[in-house]
């Protein structure tokens, strides 16, 4: 894995020449379905939706009528695909010093990057340590796990998000931790939850201990409401903030 960055740059240059209890359907924390607060699912025109390997899976995952048992199967399919692709990366980008790689090994690594990282419909991106699912795919994994009644899986995927722009994934993990009564674990993620989104603001308002910051973040979350689930969560948070 130590040499995949160098090969990534090489290809770029060439191209330019949880098994805990499932969250309740209506949470007392958010006054609505917790899973509905996920952010970053692939939009209708997202390139990921054209990827043959995940096209049908994504369609089933986003269907609100998909029952939990079927959602569990779809999640297992998507998770299996990602694990298989990451396992292939481990085999391709081994620890053998790059200067000792054969031409065949270098070509194999280049083909992997072109297919899974740099292609038209890539599944992976480069994270802080190694390869990770792309944000839209991670959001789909977390959403499917949540709806399948496997919040611990969703928490794990969110915690592993290493890039700054994936703060919403970490915020969703924090939300599920709060829903499970694990406030201290949720607060451990607070420093990595930044950026302009509804859920990041809502979570910061929920976890921060400074009353002024909490008030500002509640206002920030209110300004970003676009769905009924978000509106319910804002109302629930505002009610908790009222003096007792």
Protein backbone atom coordinates (compact mmCIF):
# COMPACT_ATOMS: atom_id res chain seq x y z
CA UNK A 1 0.00 0.00 0.00
CA UNK A 2 2.99 2.33 0.44
CA UNK A 3 3.44 2.74 -3.29
CA UNK A 4 -0.12 3.34 -4.45
CA UNK A 5 0.20 7.13 -4.16
CA UNK A 6 3.12 7.18 -6.58
CA UNK A 7 1.20 5.06 -9.06
CA UNK A 8 -1.87 7.24 -8.62
CA UNK A 9 0.20 10.28 -9.64
CA UNK A 10 1.65 8.30 -12.54
CA UNK A 11 -1.80 7.51 -13.90
CA UNK A 12 -2.99 11.08 -13.37
CA UNK A 13 -0.04 12.33 -15.41
CA UNK A 14 -0.77 9.82 -18.17
CA UNK A 15 -4.45 10.76 -18.23
CA UNK A 16 -3.67 14.41 -18.69
CA UNK A 17 -1.08 13.74 -21.62
CA UNK A 18 -23.39 -2.09 13.81
CA UNK A 19 -25.03 -5.07 15.22
CA UNK A 20 -26.86 -3.08 17.92
CA UNK A 21 -30.59 -2.54 18.22
CA UNK A 22 -32.07 -0.92 15.14
CA UNK A 23 -33.12 2.72 15.51
CA UNK A 24 -36.84 3.11 16.07
CA UNK A 25 -38.96 4.15 13.11
CA UNK A 26 -39.79 7.38 14.92
CA UNK A 27 -37.01 8.52 17.22
CA UNK A 28 -37.61 10.61 20.31
CA UNK A 29 -34.31 12.30 19.48
CA UNK A 30 -35.44 13.54 16.06
CA UNK A 31 -39.25 13.08 16.15
CA UNK A 32 -38.97 11.10 12.93
CA UNK A 33 -37.08 8.30 11.16
CA UNK A 34 -33.38 8.62 11.95
CA UNK A 35 -32.33 6.98 8.68
CA UNK A 36 -34.04 9.76 6.71
CA UNK A 37 -31.42 12.24 7.94
CA UNK A 38 -28.61 10.66 5.89
CA UNK A 39 -26.87 13.12 3.57
CA UNK A 40 -24.90 12.59 0.38
CA UNK A 41 -26.87 9.83 -1.33
CA UNK A 42 -26.10 9.76 -5.09
CA UNK A 43 -28.38 12.14 -6.97
CA UNK A 44 -30.29 11.21 -10.16
CA UNK A 45 -27.41 12.35 -12.39
CA UNK A 46 -24.54 11.10 -10.23
CA UNK A 47 -21.95 9.13 -12.29
CA UNK A 48 -22.14 6.37 -9.69
CA UNK A 49 -25.68 5.57 -10.81
CA UNK A 50 -24.32 4.51 -14.18
CA UNK A 51 -21.94 1.97 -12.68
CA UNK A 52 -23.26 -1.43 -13.74
CA UNK A 53 -22.09 -3.10 -10.53
CA UNK A 54 -24.24 -0.93 -8.26
CA UNK A 55 -26.99 0.49 -10.47
CA UNK A 56 -29.77 -1.91 -9.46
CA UNK A 57 -28.65 -2.00 -5.83
CA UNK A 58 -28.84 1.78 -5.49
CA UNK A 59 -32.30 1.80 -7.04
CA UNK A 60 -33.57 -0.71 -4.47
CA UNK A 61 -31.89 1.09 -1.58
CA UNK A 62 -33.51 4.43 -2.35
CA UNK A 63 -36.99 2.90 -2.70
CA UNK A 64 -38.92 3.84 0.48
CA UNK A 65 -41.07 0.72 0.08
CA UNK A 66 -38.16 -1.71 0.26
CA UNK A 67 -38.77 -3.80 3.43
CA UNK A 68 -36.02 -4.28 6.04
CA UNK A 69 -35.41 -7.92 5.08
CA UNK A 70 -34.85 -6.99 1.43
CA UNK A 71 -32.79 -3.98 2.48
CA UNK A 72 -30.56 -6.30 4.49
CA UNK A 73 -29.87 -8.32 1.34
CA UNK A 74 -29.12 -5.22 -0.70
CA UNK A 75 -26.78 -3.94 1.98
CA UNK A 76 -24.97 -7.27 2.04
CA UNK A 77 -24.59 -7.11 -1.76
CA UNK A 78 -23.16 -3.60 -1.66
CA UNK A 79 -20.90 -4.31 1.28
CA UNK A 80 -19.62 -7.48 -0.39
CA UNK A 81 -18.81 -5.57 -3.56
CA UNK A 82 -16.84 -2.92 -1.67
CA UNK A 83 -14.97 -5.45 0.45
CA UNK A 84 -14.04 -7.41 -2.67
CA UNK A 85 -12.76 -4.27 -4.42
CA UNK A 86 -10.75 -3.22 -1.36
CA UNK A 87 -9.32 -6.74 -1.08
CA UNK A 88 -8.24 -6.52 -4.72
CA UNK A 89 -6.51 -3.22 -3.93
CA UNK A 90 -4.60 -4.89 -1.12
CA UNK A 91 -3.42 -7.62 -3.49
CA UNK A 92 -2.42 -5.17 -6.22
CA UNK A 93 -0.71 -2.58 -4.01
CA UNK A 94 1.45 -4.90 -1.95
CA UNK A 95 4.34 -3.83 0.27
CA UNK A 96 7.06 -4.85 -2.14
CA UNK A 97 9.23 -1.75 -2.87
CA UNK A 98 8.07 -0.13 -6.07
CA UNK A 99 11.56 -0.20 -7.62
CA UNK A 100 11.31 -3.99 -7.47
CA UNK A 101 7.92 -4.15 -9.21
CA UNK A 102 7.82 -5.88 -12.55
CA UNK A 103 6.27 -4.23 -15.58
CA UNK A 104 3.33 -6.61 -15.20
CA UNK A 105 2.76 -5.51 -11.59
CA UNK A 106 2.87 -1.83 -12.56
CA UNK A 107 0.42 -2.37 -15.40
CA UNK A 108 -1.91 -4.26 -13.10
CA UNK A 109 -1.86 -1.41 -10.60
CA UNK A 110 -2.46 1.13 -13.35
CA UNK A 111 -5.46 -0.82 -14.64
CA UNK A 112 -6.91 -1.02 -11.13
CA UNK A 113 -6.65 2.75 -10.68
CA UNK A 114 -8.12 3.46 -14.09
CA UNK A 115 -11.08 1.17 -13.40
CA UNK A 116 -11.88 1.77 -9.74
CA UNK A 117 -10.47 5.21 -8.89
CA UNK A 118 -10.05 7.29 -12.05
CA UNK A 119 -12.67 5.83 -14.37
CA UNK A 120 -16.03 7.25 -15.44
CA UNK A 121 -17.92 5.49 -12.64
CA UNK A 122 -15.33 4.86 -9.91
CA UNK A 123 -16.25 3.10 -6.67
CA UNK A 124 -13.19 4.14 -4.64
CA UNK A 125 -11.22 7.23 -3.71
CA UNK A 126 -7.94 7.79 -1.91
CA UNK A 127 -8.39 8.40 1.79
CA UNK A 128 -5.96 9.42 4.52
CA UNK A 129 -4.54 5.89 4.82
CA UNK A 130 -5.64 3.92 1.78
CA UNK A 131 -8.59 3.39 -0.50
CA UNK A 132 -12.12 4.14 0.68
CA UNK A 133 -15.61 4.06 -0.85
CA UNK A 134 -16.56 7.26 -2.63
CA UNK A 135 -18.84 9.56 -0.59
CA UNK A 136 -22.04 8.67 -2.43
CA UNK A 137 -21.33 4.97 -2.09
CA UNK A 138 -20.50 5.34 1.61
CA UNK A 139 -23.78 7.21 2.15
CA UNK A 140 -25.65 4.41 0.37
CA UNK A 141 -23.95 1.81 2.55
CA UNK A 142 -24.84 3.70 5.74
CA UNK A 143 -28.42 4.34 4.65
CA UNK A 144 -28.97 0.71 3.68
CA UNK A 145 -27.44 -0.54 6.94
CA UNK A 146 -29.62 1.83 8.93
CA UNK A 147 -32.81 0.76 7.18
CA UNK A 148 -31.79 -2.89 7.44
CA UNK A 149 -31.67 -2.60 11.22
CA UNK A 150 -27.87 -2.76 11.37
CA UNK A 151 -26.90 0.64 12.82
CA UNK A 152 -23.56 -0.63 14.07
CA UNK A 153 -22.49 -1.23 10.47
CA UNK A 154 -23.54 2.30 9.53
CA UNK A 155 -21.60 3.70 12.49
CA UNK A 156 -18.49 1.81 11.43
CA UNK A 157 -18.63 3.12 7.85
CA UNK A 158 -19.14 6.67 9.11
CA UNK A 159 -16.26 6.52 11.55
CA UNK A 160 -13.93 5.33 8.79
CA UNK A 161 -14.61 8.37 6.57
CA UNK A 162 -11.26 10.18 6.59
CA UNK A 163 -11.63 13.03 4.10
CA UNK A 164 -12.71 16.51 5.26
CA UNK A 165 -15.67 16.67 2.85
CA UNK A 166 -17.17 13.53 4.42
CA UNK A 167 -18.14 15.27 7.66
CA UNK A 168 -21.83 14.40 6.99
CA UNK A 169 -20.94 10.70 7.14
CA UNK A 170 -19.26 11.18 10.50
CA UNK A 171 -22.23 13.27 11.64
CA UNK A 172 -24.62 10.44 10.74
CA UNK A 173 -22.47 8.01 12.72
CA UNK A 174 -22.66 10.42 15.68
CA UNK A 175 -26.44 10.59 15.29
CA UNK A 176 -26.75 6.81 15.47
CA UNK A 177 -24.47 6.73 18.49
CA UNK A 178 -26.68 9.29 20.22
CA UNK A 179 -29.73 7.25 19.29
CA UNK A 180 -28.08 4.26 20.95
CA UNK A 181 -27.39 6.25 24.13
CA UNK A 182 -23.63 6.41 23.50
CA UNK A 183 -23.13 10.15 23.92
CA UNK A 184 -19.45 10.03 24.85
CA UNK A 185 -18.62 8.03 21.75
CA UNK A 186 -20.58 10.51 19.65
CA UNK A 187 -18.72 13.42 21.22
CA UNK A 188 -15.41 11.84 20.21
CA UNK A 189 -16.37 12.57 16.60
CA UNK A 190 -17.24 16.21 17.22
CA UNK A 191 -13.84 17.60 16.22
CA UNK A 192 -14.11 15.91 12.81
CA UNK A 193 -17.65 17.11 12.10
CA UNK A 194 -17.34 20.39 10.23
CA UNK A 195 -18.66 21.86 7.03
CA UNK A 196 -21.87 23.45 5.76
CA UNK A 197 -24.63 20.86 5.90
CA UNK A 198 -27.83 20.42 7.85
CA UNK A 199 -26.70 17.34 9.75
CA UNK A 200 -23.25 18.64 10.66
CA UNK A 201 -24.84 21.77 12.15
CA UNK A 202 -27.56 19.77 13.92
CA UNK A 203 -25.03 17.38 15.47
CA UNK A 204 -22.72 20.20 16.57
CA UNK A 205 -25.70 21.87 18.23
CA UNK A 206 -26.52 18.59 19.96
CA UNK A 207 -23.02 17.74 21.18
CA UNK A 208 -21.29 21.03 21.90
CA UNK A 209 -21.17 22.13 25.52
CA UNK A 210 -20.91 25.87 24.78
CA UNK A 211 -24.45 27.37 24.86
CA UNK A 212 -23.58 30.12 22.36
CA UNK A 213 -22.20 27.63 19.87
CA UNK A 214 -25.22 25.40 20.35
CA UNK A 215 -27.54 28.32 19.63
CA UNK A 216 -25.64 29.34 16.49
CA UNK A 217 -25.58 25.78 15.21
CA UNK A 218 -29.31 25.35 15.79
CA UNK A 219 -29.87 28.47 13.71
CA UNK A 220 -27.51 27.13 11.03
CA UNK A 221 -29.42 23.84 10.91
CA UNK A 222 -32.76 25.66 10.62
CA UNK A 223 -31.51 27.60 7.59
CA UNK A 224 -30.58 24.37 5.84
CA UNK A 225 -33.86 22.50 6.27
CA UNK A 226 -35.09 21.02 2.98
CA UNK A 227 -37.04 17.92 4.08
CA UNK A 228 -39.79 17.08 6.53
CA UNK A 229 -37.44 14.77 8.45
CA UNK A 230 -35.01 17.65 8.94
CA UNK A 231 -37.86 19.92 10.04
CA UNK A 232 -38.93 17.35 12.63
CA UNK A 233 -35.36 17.03 13.92
CA UNK A 234 -35.05 20.82 14.24
CA UNK A 235 -38.32 20.99 16.16
CA UNK A 236 -37.24 18.20 18.52
CA UNK A 237 -33.92 19.89 19.18
CA UNK A 238 -35.55 23.27 19.77
CA UNK A 239 -37.92 21.70 22.28
CA UNK A 240 -35.02 20.18 24.21
CA UNK A 241 -33.32 23.58 24.27
CA UNK A 242 -36.25 25.24 26.02
CA UNK A 243 -35.60 26.20 29.67
CA UNK A 244 -37.07 23.66 32.08
